[in-house]
Amino acid sequence: MRITRALVCCLVGCLMSASIFGAVNQQEVYSLDSDVYDAIEALYIHQGLSLPSTTGPYSQAELSLMVDRRLGPQLGL
């Protein structure tokens, strides 16, 4: 009986901890008419850089990379 109870507790603990790893992701896709596109475009123009690819829509991860790689050094990020 104790082994079964311990096994069930371990299984429940593993299932609950597995959800922690999937909690942070950047899979949200922004539509083309989102304010995020306008803001990034304005930042690129203000910094004098060529605009990023216009083959959107982009995911949150792609938008983060655009800001980090191209604008990060100019903005001090």
N, C-alpha and C. Protein backbone atom coordinates (compact mmCIF):
# COMPACT_ATOMS: atom_id res chain seq x y z
N MET A 1 0.82 -1.20 0.00
CA MET A 1 0.00 0.00 0.00
C MET A 1 0.87 1.26 0.00
N ARG A 2 1.94 1.24 0.80
CA ARG A 2 2.81 2.41 0.87
C ARG A 2 3.53 2.64 -0.45
N ILE A 3 3.90 1.56 -1.12
CA ILE A 3 4.59 1.69 -2.40
C ILE A 3 3.66 2.31 -3.44
N THR A 4 2.41 1.90 -3.45
CA THR A 4 1.45 2.45 -4.40
C THR A 4 1.23 3.94 -4.14
N ARG A 5 1.10 4.29 -2.87
CA ARG A 5 0.89 5.70 -2.52
C ARG A 5 2.12 6.54 -2.90
N ALA A 6 3.29 6.03 -2.66
CA ALA A 6 4.52 6.75 -3.02
C ALA A 6 4.65 6.87 -4.53
N LEU A 7 4.27 5.81 -5.24
CA LEU A 7 4.33 5.85 -6.70
C LEU A 7 3.35 6.87 -7.27
N VAL A 8 2.16 6.93 -6.71
CA VAL A 8 1.16 7.90 -7.16
C VAL A 8 1.64 9.32 -6.86
N CYS A 9 2.21 9.53 -5.69
CA CYS A 9 2.72 10.87 -5.35
C CYS A 9 3.85 11.29 -6.29
N CYS A 10 4.74 10.37 -6.61
CA CYS A 10 5.82 10.68 -7.55
C CYS A 10 5.28 10.99 -8.94
N LEU A 11 4.30 10.23 -9.37
CA LEU A 11 3.70 10.45 -10.69
C LEU A 11 3.01 11.80 -10.76
N VAL A 12 2.25 12.13 -9.73
CA VAL A 12 1.58 13.44 -9.69
C VAL A 12 2.61 14.56 -9.66
N GLY A 13 3.67 14.41 -8.88
CA GLY A 13 4.72 15.42 -8.84
C GLY A 13 5.40 15.61 -10.18
N CYS A 14 5.66 14.52 -10.88
CA CYS A 14 6.28 14.62 -12.21
C CYS A 14 5.36 15.31 -13.20
N LEU A 15 4.09 14.99 -13.16
CA LEU A 15 3.14 15.62 -14.07
C LEU A 15 3.00 17.11 -13.79
N MET A 16 3.01 17.48 -12.53
CA MET A 16 2.89 18.90 -12.19
C MET A 16 4.15 19.67 -12.56
N SER A 17 5.31 19.06 -12.39
CA SER A 17 6.55 19.76 -12.72
C SER A 17 6.78 19.83 -14.23
N ALA A 18 6.18 18.95 -15.00
CA ALA A 18 6.34 18.99 -16.45
C ALA A 18 5.70 20.24 -17.05
N SER A 19 4.66 20.76 -16.42
CA SER A 19 4.01 21.96 -16.94
C SER A 19 4.88 23.20 -16.77
N ILE A 20 5.83 23.16 -15.87
CA ILE A 20 6.72 24.30 -15.65
C ILE A 20 7.58 24.56 -16.89
N PHE A 21 8.04 23.50 -17.54
CA PHE A 21 8.93 23.66 -18.68
C PHE A 21 8.22 24.25 -19.89
N GLY A 22 6.95 24.06 -20.02
CA GLY A 22 6.20 24.60 -21.15
C GLY A 22 5.59 25.95 -20.88
N ALA A 23 5.84 26.53 -19.72
CA ALA A 23 5.19 27.77 -19.34
C ALA A 23 5.71 28.98 -20.12
N VAL A 24 6.98 28.99 -20.47
CA VAL A 24 7.56 30.15 -21.15
C VAL A 24 7.85 29.78 -22.59
N ASN A 25 7.08 30.35 -23.50
CA ASN A 25 7.38 30.16 -24.92
C ASN A 25 7.04 31.44 -25.66
N GLN A 26 7.57 31.56 -26.82
CA GLN A 26 7.35 32.77 -27.61
C GLN A 26 6.70 32.40 -28.94
N GLN A 27 5.62 31.66 -28.84
CA GLN A 27 4.95 31.17 -30.04
C GLN A 27 3.80 32.06 -30.49
N GLU A 28 3.50 33.12 -29.76
CA GLU A 28 2.41 33.99 -30.16
C GLU A 28 2.75 34.67 -31.48
N VAL A 29 1.81 34.66 -32.41
CA VAL A 29 2.02 35.28 -33.72
C VAL A 29 1.22 36.58 -33.75
N TYR A 30 1.90 37.66 -34.11
CA TYR A 30 1.26 38.97 -34.18
C TYR A 30 0.74 39.21 -35.59
N SER A 31 -0.44 39.76 -35.70
CA SER A 31 -1.01 40.05 -37.02
C SER A 31 -0.28 41.23 -37.65
N LEU A 32 -0.42 41.36 -38.96
CA LEU A 32 0.33 42.39 -39.69
C LEU A 32 -0.10 43.81 -39.33
N ASP A 33 -1.31 43.98 -38.82
CA ASP A 33 -1.76 45.32 -38.46
C ASP A 33 -1.52 45.62 -36.98
N SER A 34 -0.65 44.85 -36.34
CA SER A 34 -0.34 45.04 -34.93
C SER A 34 0.54 46.28 -34.73
N ASP A 35 0.39 46.91 -33.59
CA ASP A 35 1.21 48.08 -33.26
C ASP A 35 2.68 47.71 -33.09
N VAL A 36 2.95 46.44 -32.83
CA VAL A 36 4.34 45.99 -32.66
C VAL A 36 5.12 46.21 -33.94
N TYR A 37 4.51 45.90 -35.08
CA TYR A 37 5.19 46.11 -36.37
C TYR A 37 5.52 47.58 -36.58
N ASP A 38 4.56 48.44 -36.30
CA ASP A 38 4.79 49.87 -36.47
C ASP A 38 5.91 50.37 -35.56
N ALA A 39 5.95 49.88 -34.33
CA ALA A 39 6.97 50.31 -33.38
C ALA A 39 8.36 49.87 -33.83
N ILE A 40 8.49 48.62 -34.27
CA ILE A 40 9.80 48.13 -34.71
C ILE A 40 10.23 48.86 -35.98
N GLU A 41 9.30 49.10 -36.88
CA GLU A 41 9.62 49.84 -38.11
C GLU A 41 10.10 51.24 -37.77
N ALA A 42 9.44 51.90 -36.83
CA ALA A 42 9.85 53.25 -36.43
C ALA A 42 11.24 53.23 -35.80
N LEU A 43 11.53 52.21 -34.99
CA LEU A 43 12.86 52.10 -34.39
C LEU A 43 13.94 51.90 -35.44
N TYR A 44 13.66 51.06 -36.42
CA TYR A 44 14.64 50.83 -37.49
C TYR A 44 14.89 52.11 -38.27
N ILE A 45 13.85 52.82 -38.62
CA ILE A 45 14.00 54.07 -39.38
C ILE A 45 14.76 55.10 -38.55
N HIS A 46 14.42 55.21 -37.27
CA HIS A 46 15.08 56.17 -36.39
C HIS A 46 16.57 55.87 -36.24
N GLN A 47 16.94 54.60 -36.24
CA GLN A 47 18.34 54.21 -36.11
C GLN A 47 19.08 54.24 -37.45
N GLY A 48 18.36 54.49 -38.55
CA GLY A 48 18.98 54.54 -39.86
C GLY A 48 19.31 53.17 -40.43
N LEU A 49 18.60 52.15 -40.00
CA LEU A 49 18.84 50.79 -40.47
C LEU A 49 17.82 50.43 -41.54
N SER A 50 18.18 49.47 -42.37
CA SER A 50 17.21 48.99 -43.35
C SER A 50 16.13 48.22 -42.62
N LEU A 51 14.93 48.30 -43.15
CA LEU A 51 13.79 47.66 -42.49
C LEU A 51 13.94 46.15 -42.52
N PRO A 52 13.42 45.48 -41.50
CA PRO A 52 13.48 44.01 -41.49
C PRO A 52 12.62 43.45 -42.61
N SER A 53 12.75 42.19 -42.81
CA SER A 53 11.99 41.50 -43.85
C SER A 53 10.50 41.78 -43.71
N THR A 54 9.84 41.92 -44.82
CA THR A 54 8.40 42.20 -44.81
C THR A 54 7.59 40.94 -45.09
N THR A 55 8.13 39.80 -44.76
CA THR A 55 7.44 38.54 -45.02
C THR A 55 6.68 38.05 -43.80
N GLY A 56 6.08 38.97 -43.05
CA GLY A 56 5.35 38.61 -41.83
C GLY A 56 4.14 37.76 -42.13
N PRO A 57 3.41 37.37 -41.16
CA PRO A 57 3.49 37.76 -39.75
C PRO A 57 4.63 37.07 -39.03
N TYR A 58 5.07 37.70 -37.96
CA TYR A 58 6.19 37.19 -37.18
C TYR A 58 5.71 36.65 -35.85
N SER A 59 6.46 35.70 -35.31
CA SER A 59 6.18 35.23 -33.96
C SER A 59 6.87 36.16 -32.97
N GLN A 60 6.53 36.01 -31.71
CA GLN A 60 7.15 36.83 -30.68
C GLN A 60 8.65 36.59 -30.63
N ALA A 61 9.08 35.36 -30.88
CA ALA A 61 10.51 35.04 -30.87
C ALA A 61 11.24 35.77 -31.99
N GLU A 62 10.64 35.81 -33.19
CA GLU A 62 11.27 36.50 -34.31
C GLU A 62 11.36 38.00 -34.06
N LEU A 63 10.32 38.58 -33.49
CA LEU A 63 10.35 40.01 -33.19
C LEU A 63 11.39 40.32 -32.12
N SER A 64 11.52 39.44 -31.14
CA SER A 64 12.55 39.64 -30.11
C SER A 64 13.94 39.60 -30.71
N LEU A 65 14.17 38.68 -31.64
CA LEU A 65 15.48 38.60 -32.30
C LEU A 65 15.77 39.84 -33.12
N MET A 66 14.75 40.37 -33.80
CA MET A 66 14.94 41.59 -34.59
C MET A 66 15.41 42.73 -33.70
N VAL A 67 14.79 42.86 -32.56
CA VAL A 67 15.15 43.95 -31.65
C VAL A 67 16.51 43.69 -31.02
N ASP A 68 16.76 42.47 -30.57
CA ASP A 68 18.02 42.17 -29.88
C ASP A 68 19.23 42.25 -30.80
N ARG A 69 19.14 41.67 -31.97
CA ARG A 69 20.30 41.59 -32.87
C ARG A 69 20.60 42.90 -33.57
N ARG A 70 19.57 43.55 -34.07
CA ARG A 70 19.80 44.73 -34.90
C ARG A 70 19.73 46.02 -34.10
N LEU A 71 18.82 46.10 -33.17
CA LEU A 71 18.64 47.35 -32.46
C LEU A 71 19.27 47.35 -31.08
N GLY A 72 19.56 46.18 -30.54
CA GLY A 72 20.11 46.09 -29.20
C GLY A 72 21.37 46.91 -28.98
N PRO A 73 22.38 46.77 -29.86
CA PRO A 73 23.61 47.56 -29.66
C PRO A 73 23.37 49.07 -29.74
N GLN A 74 22.50 49.51 -30.63
CA GLN A 74 22.25 50.94 -30.77
C GLN A 74 21.44 51.49 -29.59
N LEU A 75 20.57 50.65 -29.04
CA LEU A 75 19.73 51.10 -27.94
C LEU A 75 20.35 50.82 -26.58
N GLY A 76 21.48 50.15 -26.55
CA GLY A 76 22.15 49.84 -25.30
C GLY A 76 21.51 48.68 -24.56
N LEU A 77 20.90 47.75 -25.29
CA LEU A 77 20.26 46.59 -24.65
C LEU A 77 21.24 45.45 -24.49
